[in-house]
């Protein structure tokens, strides 16, 4: 089991690395050259800057029962297809049951933006969101260590 972080724009890199270290799980940070993110107790893989280059590297590396942290629905779908556990920066798990709706929402939002419309952005990140992420990650790591979360 490894934890992969889609680190470009990820607000929970530090807490993920800290939890990976606590649970003795290898942690890999993947980012592009414009977001070089390095932490002492994690491996960093830097890919060329380009549309989805970090996403494709992560998707090619992840394996069954690994954990991915991403806010990208497309990457989440690719990781789920490899039987990985995938969560967003708020600790919400992506599943086979919810990913189709999320991908559809993404496609509709893109159409709205392309036609000149606006989609309301995210609110400023709160401490509650950080806590929810950490609790969710702890829960997943505990289940994985017990062998009951696949």
C-alpha atoms as a PDB file:
ATOM      1  CA  UNK A   1       0.000   0.000   0.000  1.00  0.00           C
ATOM      2  CA  UNK A   2       1.195   3.484  -0.945  1.00  0.00           C
ATOM      3  CA  UNK A   3      -0.350   6.929  -0.843  1.00  0.00           C
ATOM      4  CA  UNK A   4      -0.171   9.041  -3.987  1.00  0.00           C
ATOM      5  CA  UNK A   5      -0.864  12.777  -3.844  1.00  0.00           C
ATOM      6  CA  UNK A   6      -1.942  14.726  -6.912  1.00  0.00           C
ATOM      7  CA  UNK A   7      -0.120  17.692  -5.435  1.00  0.00           C
ATOM      8  CA  UNK A   8      -0.791  20.484  -7.943  1.00  0.00           C
ATOM      9  CA  UNK A   9      -3.243  22.665  -6.026  1.00  0.00           C
ATOM     10  CA  UNK A  10      -3.692  20.167  -3.185  1.00  0.00           C
ATOM     11  CA  UNK A  11      -4.233  21.842   0.215  1.00  0.00           C
ATOM     12  CA  UNK A  12      -3.634  18.672   2.267  1.00  0.00           C
ATOM     13  CA  UNK A  13      -0.123  17.660   1.222  1.00  0.00           C
ATOM     14  CA  UNK A  14       1.383  18.259   4.674  1.00  0.00           C
ATOM     15  CA  UNK A  15      -1.332  16.432   6.617  1.00  0.00           C
ATOM     16  CA  UNK A  16      -1.244  13.499   4.166  1.00  0.00           C
ATOM     17  CA  UNK A  17       2.537  13.174   4.455  1.00  0.00           C
ATOM     18  CA  UNK A  18       2.295  13.391   8.247  1.00  0.00           C
ATOM     19  CA  UNK A  19      -0.321  10.622   8.392  1.00  0.00           C
ATOM     20  CA  UNK A  20       1.614   8.453   5.942  1.00  0.00           C
ATOM     21  CA  UNK A  21       4.652   8.744   8.175  1.00  0.00           C
ATOM     22  CA  UNK A  22       2.611   7.972  11.300  1.00  0.00           C
ATOM     23  CA  UNK A  23       1.138   4.821   9.713  1.00  0.00           C
ATOM     24  CA  UNK A  24       4.453   3.862   8.072  1.00  0.00           C
ATOM     25  CA  UNK A  25       3.027   4.009   4.548  1.00  0.00           C
ATOM     26  CA  UNK A  26       5.170   5.172   1.621  1.00  0.00           C
ATOM     27  CA  UNK A  27       3.960   8.511   0.271  1.00  0.00           C
ATOM     28  CA  UNK A  28       4.568   9.774  -3.254  1.00  0.00           C
ATOM     29  CA  UNK A  29       3.947  13.393  -4.215  1.00  0.00           C
ATOM     30  CA  UNK A  30       3.396  13.956  -7.926  1.00  0.00           C
ATOM     31  CA  UNK A  31       3.571  17.484  -9.304  1.00  0.00           C
ATOM     32  CA  UNK A  32       4.639  19.307 -12.423  1.00  0.00           C
ATOM     33  CA  UNK A  33       7.604  21.622 -12.851  1.00  0.00           C
ATOM     34  CA  UNK A  34       5.566  24.723 -12.023  1.00  0.00           C
ATOM     35  CA  UNK A  35       4.543  23.325  -8.604  1.00  0.00           C
ATOM     36  CA  UNK A  36       7.642  21.593  -7.283  1.00  0.00           C
ATOM     37  CA  UNK A  37       6.547  20.279  -3.875  1.00  0.00           C
ATOM     38  CA  UNK A  38       8.992  18.376  -1.708  1.00  0.00           C
ATOM     39  CA  UNK A  39       8.647  17.038   1.818  1.00  0.00           C
ATOM     40  CA  UNK A  40      11.300  15.321   3.910  1.00  0.00           C
ATOM     41  CA  UNK A  41       9.460  12.027   4.504  1.00  0.00           C
ATOM     42  CA  UNK A  42       7.910  11.617   1.042  1.00  0.00           C
ATOM     43  CA  UNK A  43       9.180  10.856  -2.432  1.00  0.00           C
ATOM     44  CA  UNK A  44       8.526  13.595  -4.993  1.00  0.00           C
ATOM     45  CA  UNK A  45       8.104  12.888  -8.677  1.00  0.00           C
ATOM     46  CA  UNK A  46       8.221  15.965 -10.885  1.00  0.00           C
ATOM     47  CA  UNK A  47       6.743  15.646 -14.367  1.00  0.00           C
ATOM     48  CA  UNK A  48       6.864  18.002 -17.322  1.00  0.00           C
ATOM     49  CA  UNK A  49       4.434  20.864 -17.233  1.00  0.00           C
ATOM     50  CA  UNK A  50       1.442  20.053 -19.384  1.00  0.00           C
ATOM     51  CA  UNK A  51      -2.237  19.279 -19.338  1.00  0.00           C
ATOM     52  CA  UNK A  52      -2.802  16.270 -17.091  1.00  0.00           C
ATOM     53  CA  UNK A  53       0.833  15.083 -17.128  1.00  0.00           C
ATOM     54  CA  UNK A  54       0.855  14.610 -13.333  1.00  0.00           C
ATOM     55  CA  UNK A  55      -2.533  12.873 -13.510  1.00  0.00           C
ATOM     56  CA  UNK A  56      -1.382  10.376 -16.129  1.00  0.00           C
ATOM     57  CA  UNK A  57       1.830   9.601 -14.210  1.00  0.00           C
ATOM     58  CA  UNK A  58      -0.156   8.942 -11.041  1.00  0.00           C
ATOM     59  CA  UNK A  59      -2.713   6.807 -12.891  1.00  0.00           C
ATOM     60  CA  UNK A  60       0.076   4.731 -14.437  1.00  0.00           C
ATOM     61  CA  UNK A  61       1.793   4.159 -11.084  1.00  0.00           C
ATOM     62  CA  UNK A  62      -1.152   3.430  -8.792  1.00  0.00           C
ATOM     63  CA  UNK A  63      -2.128  -0.161  -8.051  1.00  0.00           C
ATOM     64  CA  UNK A  64      -4.866  -2.078  -6.272  1.00  0.00           C
ATOM     65  CA  UNK A  65      -5.278  -1.029  -2.618  1.00  0.00           C
ATOM     66  CA  UNK A  66      -3.125   2.087  -2.999  1.00  0.00           C
ATOM     67  CA  UNK A  67      -4.629   5.410  -1.920  1.00  0.00           C
ATOM     68  CA  UNK A  68      -4.882   8.490  -4.140  1.00  0.00           C
ATOM     69  CA  UNK A  69      -5.607  12.014  -2.921  1.00  0.00           C
ATOM     70  CA  UNK A  70      -6.978  14.192  -5.709  1.00  0.00           C
ATOM     71  CA  UNK A  71      -9.706  16.674  -6.469  1.00  0.00           C
ATOM     72  CA  UNK A  72      -9.726  15.707 -10.159  1.00  0.00           C
ATOM     73  CA  UNK A  73     -12.736  13.555 -11.090  1.00  0.00           C
ATOM     74  CA  UNK A  74     -11.088  12.198 -14.230  1.00  0.00           C
ATOM     75  CA  UNK A  75      -8.027  11.048 -12.315  1.00  0.00           C
ATOM     76  CA  UNK A  76     -10.280   9.608  -9.611  1.00  0.00           C
ATOM     77  CA  UNK A  77     -12.086   7.522 -12.240  1.00  0.00           C
ATOM     78  CA  UNK A  78      -8.790   6.206 -13.634  1.00  0.00           C
ATOM     79  CA  UNK A  79      -7.608   5.240 -10.141  1.00  0.00           C
ATOM     80  CA  UNK A  80     -10.914   3.559  -9.304  1.00  0.00           C
ATOM     81  CA  UNK A  81     -10.565   1.452 -12.449  1.00  0.00           C
ATOM     82  CA  UNK A  82      -7.378   0.048 -10.898  1.00  0.00           C
ATOM     83  CA  UNK A  83      -9.196  -0.772  -7.628  1.00  0.00           C
ATOM     84  CA  UNK A  84      -7.452   1.977  -5.686  1.00  0.00           C
ATOM     85  CA  UNK A  85      -9.012   3.942  -2.849  1.00  0.00           C
ATOM     86  CA  UNK A  86      -9.531   7.560  -3.863  1.00  0.00           C
ATOM     87  CA  UNK A  87     -10.446  10.572  -1.756  1.00  0.00           C
ATOM     88  CA  UNK A  88     -10.614  14.295  -2.240  1.00  0.00           C
ATOM     89  CA  UNK A  89      -9.077  17.050  -0.126  1.00  0.00           C
ATOM     90  CA  UNK A  90     -12.157  17.097   2.141  1.00  0.00           C
ATOM     91  CA  UNK A  91     -11.943  13.370   2.892  1.00  0.00           C
ATOM     92  CA  UNK A  92     -14.839  12.397   0.624  1.00  0.00           C
ATOM     93  CA  UNK A  93     -14.311   8.989  -0.939  1.00  0.00           C
ATOM     94  CA  UNK A  94     -14.835   8.588  -4.647  1.00  0.00           C
ATOM     95  CA  UNK A  95     -16.609   5.317  -5.431  1.00  0.00           C
ATOM     96  CA  UNK A  96     -18.007   3.434  -8.371  1.00  0.00           C
ATOM     97  CA  UNK A  97     -21.421   4.659  -7.255  1.00  0.00           C
ATOM     98  CA  UNK A  98     -20.672   8.407  -7.225  1.00  0.00           C
ATOM     99  CA  UNK A  99     -17.996   8.912  -9.891  1.00  0.00           C
ATOM    100  CA  UNK A 100     -20.353   8.886 -12.912  1.00  0.00           C
ATOM    101  CA  UNK A 101     -22.432  11.733 -11.481  1.00  0.00           C
ATOM    102  CA  UNK A 102     -19.310  13.723 -10.643  1.00  0.00           C
ATOM    103  CA  UNK A 103     -17.918  13.266 -14.160  1.00  0.00           C
ATOM    104  CA  UNK A 104     -21.260  14.357 -15.607  1.00  0.00           C
ATOM    105  CA  UNK A 105     -21.247  17.453 -13.392  1.00  0.00           C
ATOM    106  CA  UNK A 106     -17.726  18.242 -14.623  1.00  0.00           C
ATOM    107  CA  UNK A 107     -18.825  17.961 -18.262  1.00  0.00           C
ATOM    108  CA  UNK A 108     -21.852  20.212 -17.709  1.00  0.00           C
ATOM    109  CA  UNK A 109     -19.725  22.780 -15.881  1.00  0.00           C
ATOM    110  CA  UNK A 110     -17.238  22.805 -18.757  1.00  0.00           C
ATOM    111  CA  UNK A 111     -20.039  23.452 -21.260  1.00  0.00           C
ATOM    112  CA  UNK A 112     -21.329  26.341 -19.148  1.00  0.00           C
ATOM    113  CA  UNK A 113     -17.853  27.894 -18.936  1.00  0.00           C
ATOM    114  CA  UNK A 114     -17.254  27.449 -22.684  1.00  0.00           C
ATOM    115  CA  UNK A 115     -20.498  29.265 -23.445  1.00  0.00           C
ATOM    116  CA  UNK A 116     -19.409  32.239 -21.332  1.00  0.00           C
ATOM    117  CA  UNK A 117     -21.192  31.267 -18.116  1.00  0.00           C
ATOM    118  CA  UNK A 118     -19.635  31.194 -14.687  1.00  0.00           C
ATOM    119  CA  UNK A 119     -19.530  28.485 -12.080  1.00  0.00           C
ATOM    120  CA  UNK A 120     -19.187  29.600  -8.488  1.00  0.00           C
ATOM    121  CA  UNK A 121     -15.759  28.750  -7.101  1.00  0.00           C
ATOM    122  CA  UNK A 122     -14.886  27.080  -3.851  1.00  0.00           C
ATOM    123  CA  UNK A 123     -15.049  28.908  -0.545  1.00  0.00           C
ATOM    124  CA  UNK A 124     -11.919  29.599   1.480  1.00  0.00           C
ATOM    125  CA  UNK A 125     -10.671  26.380   3.045  1.00  0.00           C
ATOM    126  CA  UNK A 126     -11.732  25.898   6.658  1.00  0.00           C
ATOM    127  CA  UNK A 127     -10.186  24.110   9.605  1.00  0.00           C
ATOM    128  CA  UNK A 128     -13.264  21.851   9.631  1.00  0.00           C
ATOM    129  CA  UNK A 129     -12.401  20.645   6.109  1.00  0.00           C
ATOM    130  CA  UNK A 130      -8.821  19.905   7.212  1.00  0.00           C
ATOM    131  CA  UNK A 131     -10.114  17.939  10.202  1.00  0.00           C
ATOM    132  CA  UNK A 132     -12.614  16.008   8.065  1.00  0.00           C
ATOM    133  CA  UNK A 133      -9.851  15.041   5.651  1.00  0.00           C
ATOM    134  CA  UNK A 134      -7.545  13.869   8.435  1.00  0.00           C
ATOM    135  CA  UNK A 135     -10.285  11.812  10.110  1.00  0.00           C
ATOM    136  CA  UNK A 136     -11.262  10.191   6.829  1.00  0.00           C
ATOM    137  CA  UNK A 137      -7.638   9.392   5.963  1.00  0.00           C
ATOM    138  CA  UNK A 138      -7.043   7.927   9.435  1.00  0.00           C
ATOM    139  CA  UNK A 139     -10.135   5.754   9.044  1.00  0.00           C
ATOM    140  CA  UNK A 140      -8.987   4.445   5.658  1.00  0.00           C
ATOM    141  CA  UNK A 141      -5.452   3.783   6.911  1.00  0.00           C
ATOM    142  CA  UNK A 142      -6.752   1.931   9.987  1.00  0.00           C
ATOM    143  CA  UNK A 143      -8.989  -0.259   7.818  1.00  0.00           C
ATOM    144  CA  UNK A 144      -6.175  -0.917   5.358  1.00  0.00           C
ATOM    145  CA  UNK A 145      -3.778  -1.897   8.130  1.00  0.00           C
ATOM    146  CA  UNK A 146      -6.409  -4.364   9.387  1.00  0.00           C
ATOM    147  CA  UNK A 147      -6.895  -5.659   5.843  1.00  0.00           C
ATOM    148  CA  UNK A 148     -10.606  -4.790   5.685  1.00  0.00           C
ATOM    149  CA  UNK A 149     -10.701  -1.954   3.139  1.00  0.00           C
ATOM    150  CA  UNK A 150     -10.311  -3.069  -0.460  1.00  0.00           C
END
